[in-house]
């Protein structure tokens, strides 16, 4: 269990940088699979990891002061928000998000503090079934977000089947 009473399969406090490579996180339940938290800046890198069939509030929960870099990872059939970003920097590159229930990427928190970059990712058949059902793939509520060369297919939500932005700024480039 991570500090603060939040159960997690893995918890990364702000004591040092962390790297996860080739890891598999399957069939976890609780608050989050990976909880990243702290009050001083540090980096967390995830490469070639698989997150599948997890039933959590959040699969990856990144809170302030973290720089999170996710590349070549697969997120399949998870329930609950897949990635919640209220940290300062999050970069997601060449990842696959398929058949997840709950907004896939939710980025919000202190206005002007967030920097989300998503490049070369594929979002297929994800459904935002969590309140308020916004953004089947990506929901932005504050800060800045840039999405480039992403493919969105068959995602569903009450508002914004693929992408929803209620605050902050978002730039889409060469996405389909």
Protein backbone atom coordinates (compact mmCIF):
# COMPACT_ATOMS: atom_id res chain seq x y z
CA UNK A 1 0.00 0.00 0.00
CA UNK A 2 1.36 3.41 -0.96
CA UNK A 3 1.62 6.15 1.67
CA UNK A 4 -1.62 8.00 2.26
CA UNK A 5 -3.64 4.78 2.26
CA UNK A 6 -3.74 4.37 -1.52
CA UNK A 7 -3.26 0.73 -2.45
CA UNK A 8 -1.07 0.24 -5.51
CA UNK A 9 0.78 -2.62 -7.18
CA UNK A 10 3.78 -0.27 -7.37
CA UNK A 11 4.36 3.09 -5.70
CA UNK A 12 7.03 5.60 -6.67
CA UNK A 13 7.68 8.28 -4.04
CA UNK A 14 9.84 11.31 -4.75
CA UNK A 15 12.98 9.80 -3.27
CA UNK A 16 14.62 9.10 -6.62
CA UNK A 17 14.10 8.61 -10.34
CA UNK A 18 12.59 5.29 -11.43
CA UNK A 19 12.58 3.20 -14.60
CA UNK A 20 10.20 0.37 -15.48
CA UNK A 21 11.13 -1.60 -18.60
CA UNK A 22 9.41 -4.71 -19.96
CA UNK A 23 7.08 -4.94 -16.95
CA UNK A 24 3.63 -6.53 -17.00
CA UNK A 25 0.83 -5.38 -14.71
CA UNK A 26 -2.23 -7.66 -15.05
CA UNK A 27 -5.40 -8.23 -12.99
CA UNK A 28 -4.78 -5.70 -10.22
CA UNK A 29 -7.58 -4.06 -8.20
CA UNK A 30 -7.58 -1.11 -5.83
CA UNK A 31 -6.85 2.60 -6.17
CA UNK A 32 -4.10 2.40 -8.80
CA UNK A 33 -1.65 0.01 -10.42
CA UNK A 34 1.19 2.54 -10.45
CA UNK A 35 1.05 5.57 -8.14
CA UNK A 36 3.63 8.31 -8.68
CA UNK A 37 3.73 10.97 -5.96
CA UNK A 38 5.97 13.49 -4.26
CA UNK A 39 6.80 17.12 -3.65
CA UNK A 40 10.17 17.50 -5.36
CA UNK A 41 10.75 17.02 -9.08
CA UNK A 42 11.82 13.56 -10.24
CA UNK A 43 11.49 11.43 -13.40
CA UNK A 44 9.69 8.15 -13.95
CA UNK A 45 10.23 6.24 -17.21
CA UNK A 46 8.06 3.37 -18.46
CA UNK A 47 9.15 1.51 -21.60
CA UNK A 48 7.69 -1.62 -23.23
CA UNK A 49 5.29 -2.26 -20.34
CA UNK A 50 1.89 -3.94 -20.52
CA UNK A 51 -1.11 -2.95 -18.42
CA UNK A 52 -4.08 -5.29 -18.95
CA UNK A 53 -7.32 -6.34 -17.26
CA UNK A 54 -6.78 -4.10 -14.23
CA UNK A 55 -9.86 -2.92 -12.30
CA UNK A 56 -8.72 0.23 -10.50
CA UNK A 57 -9.71 3.88 -10.08
CA UNK A 58 -6.58 4.74 -12.08
CA UNK A 59 -4.06 2.51 -13.78
CA UNK A 60 -1.32 5.18 -13.63
CA UNK A 61 -1.82 8.02 -11.16
CA UNK A 62 0.78 10.81 -11.51
CA UNK A 63 0.58 13.65 -9.03
CA UNK A 64 2.44 17.00 -8.84
CA UNK A 65 6.16 17.39 -9.42
CA UNK A 66 6.65 14.19 -11.45
CA UNK A 67 8.05 14.04 -14.96
CA UNK A 68 6.49 10.89 -16.44
CA UNK A 69 7.71 9.45 -19.75
CA UNK A 70 5.76 6.49 -21.19
CA UNK A 71 6.84 4.84 -24.44
CA UNK A 72 5.98 1.69 -26.40
CA UNK A 73 3.50 0.52 -23.75
CA UNK A 74 0.22 -1.34 -24.20
CA UNK A 75 -2.95 -0.62 -22.22
CA UNK A 76 -5.71 -3.16 -22.89
CA UNK A 77 -9.09 -3.88 -21.27
CA UNK A 78 -8.50 -1.88 -18.08
CA UNK A 79 -11.45 -0.54 -16.05
CA UNK A 80 -11.21 2.91 -14.50
CA UNK A 81 -9.25 5.89 -15.70
CA UNK A 82 -6.13 4.61 -17.45
CA UNK A 83 -3.80 7.58 -16.90
CA UNK A 84 -4.49 10.52 -14.62
CA UNK A 85 -1.98 13.33 -14.95
CA UNK A 86 -1.87 16.18 -12.47
CA UNK A 87 1.91 16.27 -12.62
CA UNK A 88 4.05 18.85 -14.36
CA UNK A 89 5.29 16.91 -17.40
CA UNK A 90 3.91 13.82 -19.07
CA UNK A 91 5.12 12.45 -22.40
CA UNK A 92 3.38 9.45 -23.97
CA UNK A 93 4.92 8.05 -27.17
CA UNK A 94 4.04 5.11 -29.46
CA UNK A 95 1.58 3.48 -27.05
CA UNK A 96 -1.52 1.39 -27.79
CA UNK A 97 -4.78 1.94 -25.85
CA UNK A 98 -7.46 -0.63 -26.66
CA UNK A 99 -10.89 -1.46 -25.16
CA UNK A 100 -10.38 0.36 -21.87
CA UNK A 101 -13.44 1.41 -19.83
CA UNK A 102 -13.00 4.92 -18.43
CA UNK A 103 -11.30 7.96 -19.90
CA UNK A 104 -7.90 6.83 -21.18
CA UNK A 105 -5.88 10.00 -20.45
CA UNK A 106 -7.23 12.61 -18.04
CA UNK A 107 -5.05 15.67 -17.62
CA UNK A 108 -6.08 18.35 -15.17
CA UNK A 109 -5.12 20.06 -11.95
CA UNK A 110 -3.48 23.39 -11.21
CA UNK A 111 -3.92 25.66 -14.26
CA UNK A 112 -0.75 26.35 -16.21
CA UNK A 113 1.28 23.63 -14.45
CA UNK A 114 0.64 20.77 -16.85
CA UNK A 115 2.46 19.85 -19.99
CA UNK A 116 1.06 16.76 -21.74
CA UNK A 117 2.55 15.52 -25.01
CA UNK A 118 1.10 12.48 -26.77
CA UNK A 119 2.80 11.34 -30.00
CA UNK A 120 2.24 8.38 -32.31
CA UNK A 121 -0.32 6.64 -30.10
CA UNK A 122 -3.31 4.55 -31.17
CA UNK A 123 -6.64 4.73 -29.31
CA UNK A 124 -9.13 2.02 -30.32
CA UNK A 125 -12.59 1.21 -28.91
CA UNK A 126 -12.15 2.92 -25.54
CA UNK A 127 -15.30 4.00 -23.65
CA UNK A 128 -15.51 6.82 -21.10
CA UNK A 129 -18.10 5.28 -18.79
CA UNK A 130 -16.91 7.16 -15.69
CA UNK A 131 -18.51 10.45 -14.57
CA UNK A 132 -18.72 12.89 -16.34
CA UNK A 133 -18.19 10.67 -19.42
CA UNK A 134 -15.96 13.12 -21.28
CA UNK A 135 -13.32 12.13 -23.80
CA UNK A 136 -13.33 8.43 -24.67
CA UNK A 137 -9.59 8.72 -25.32
CA UNK A 138 -8.34 12.07 -23.95
CA UNK A 139 -9.90 14.63 -21.59
CA UNK A 140 -8.15 17.93 -20.84
CA UNK A 141 -9.39 20.19 -18.03
CA UNK A 142 -6.41 22.53 -17.57
CA UNK A 143 -2.85 23.20 -18.66
CA UNK A 144 -1.50 22.53 -22.12
CA UNK A 145 -1.71 19.42 -24.25
CA UNK A 146 -0.23 18.51 -27.62
CA UNK A 147 -1.37 15.44 -29.56
CA UNK A 148 0.53 14.54 -32.73
CA UNK A 149 0.30 11.67 -35.22
CA UNK A 150 -2.28 9.82 -33.11
CA UNK A 151 -5.01 7.57 -34.48
CA UNK A 152 -8.47 7.51 -32.86
CA UNK A 153 -10.91 4.75 -33.88
CA UNK A 154 -14.24 3.77 -32.30
CA UNK A 155 -13.83 5.63 -28.99
CA UNK A 156 -17.02 6.64 -27.15
CA UNK A 157 -18.13 9.22 -24.59
CA UNK A 158 -21.19 11.35 -23.93
CA UNK A 159 -19.06 14.44 -24.71
CA UNK A 160 -16.10 14.16 -27.10
CA UNK A 161 -15.97 10.57 -28.33
CA UNK A 162 -12.21 10.77 -28.88
CA UNK A 163 -11.01 14.07 -27.35
CA UNK A 164 -12.68 16.53 -24.96
CA UNK A 165 -11.21 19.82 -23.76
CA UNK A 166 -13.03 21.86 -21.12
CA UNK A 167 -10.13 24.08 -20.04
CA UNK A 168 -6.53 24.81 -20.88
CA UNK A 169 -5.23 24.53 -24.42
CA UNK A 170 -4.91 21.62 -26.79
CA UNK A 171 -3.10 21.28 -30.11
CA UNK A 172 -3.82 18.42 -32.50
CA UNK A 173 -1.39 17.78 -35.36
CA UNK A 174 -1.64 15.08 -38.04
CA UNK A 175 -4.14 13.03 -36.00
CA UNK A 176 -6.91 10.94 -37.57
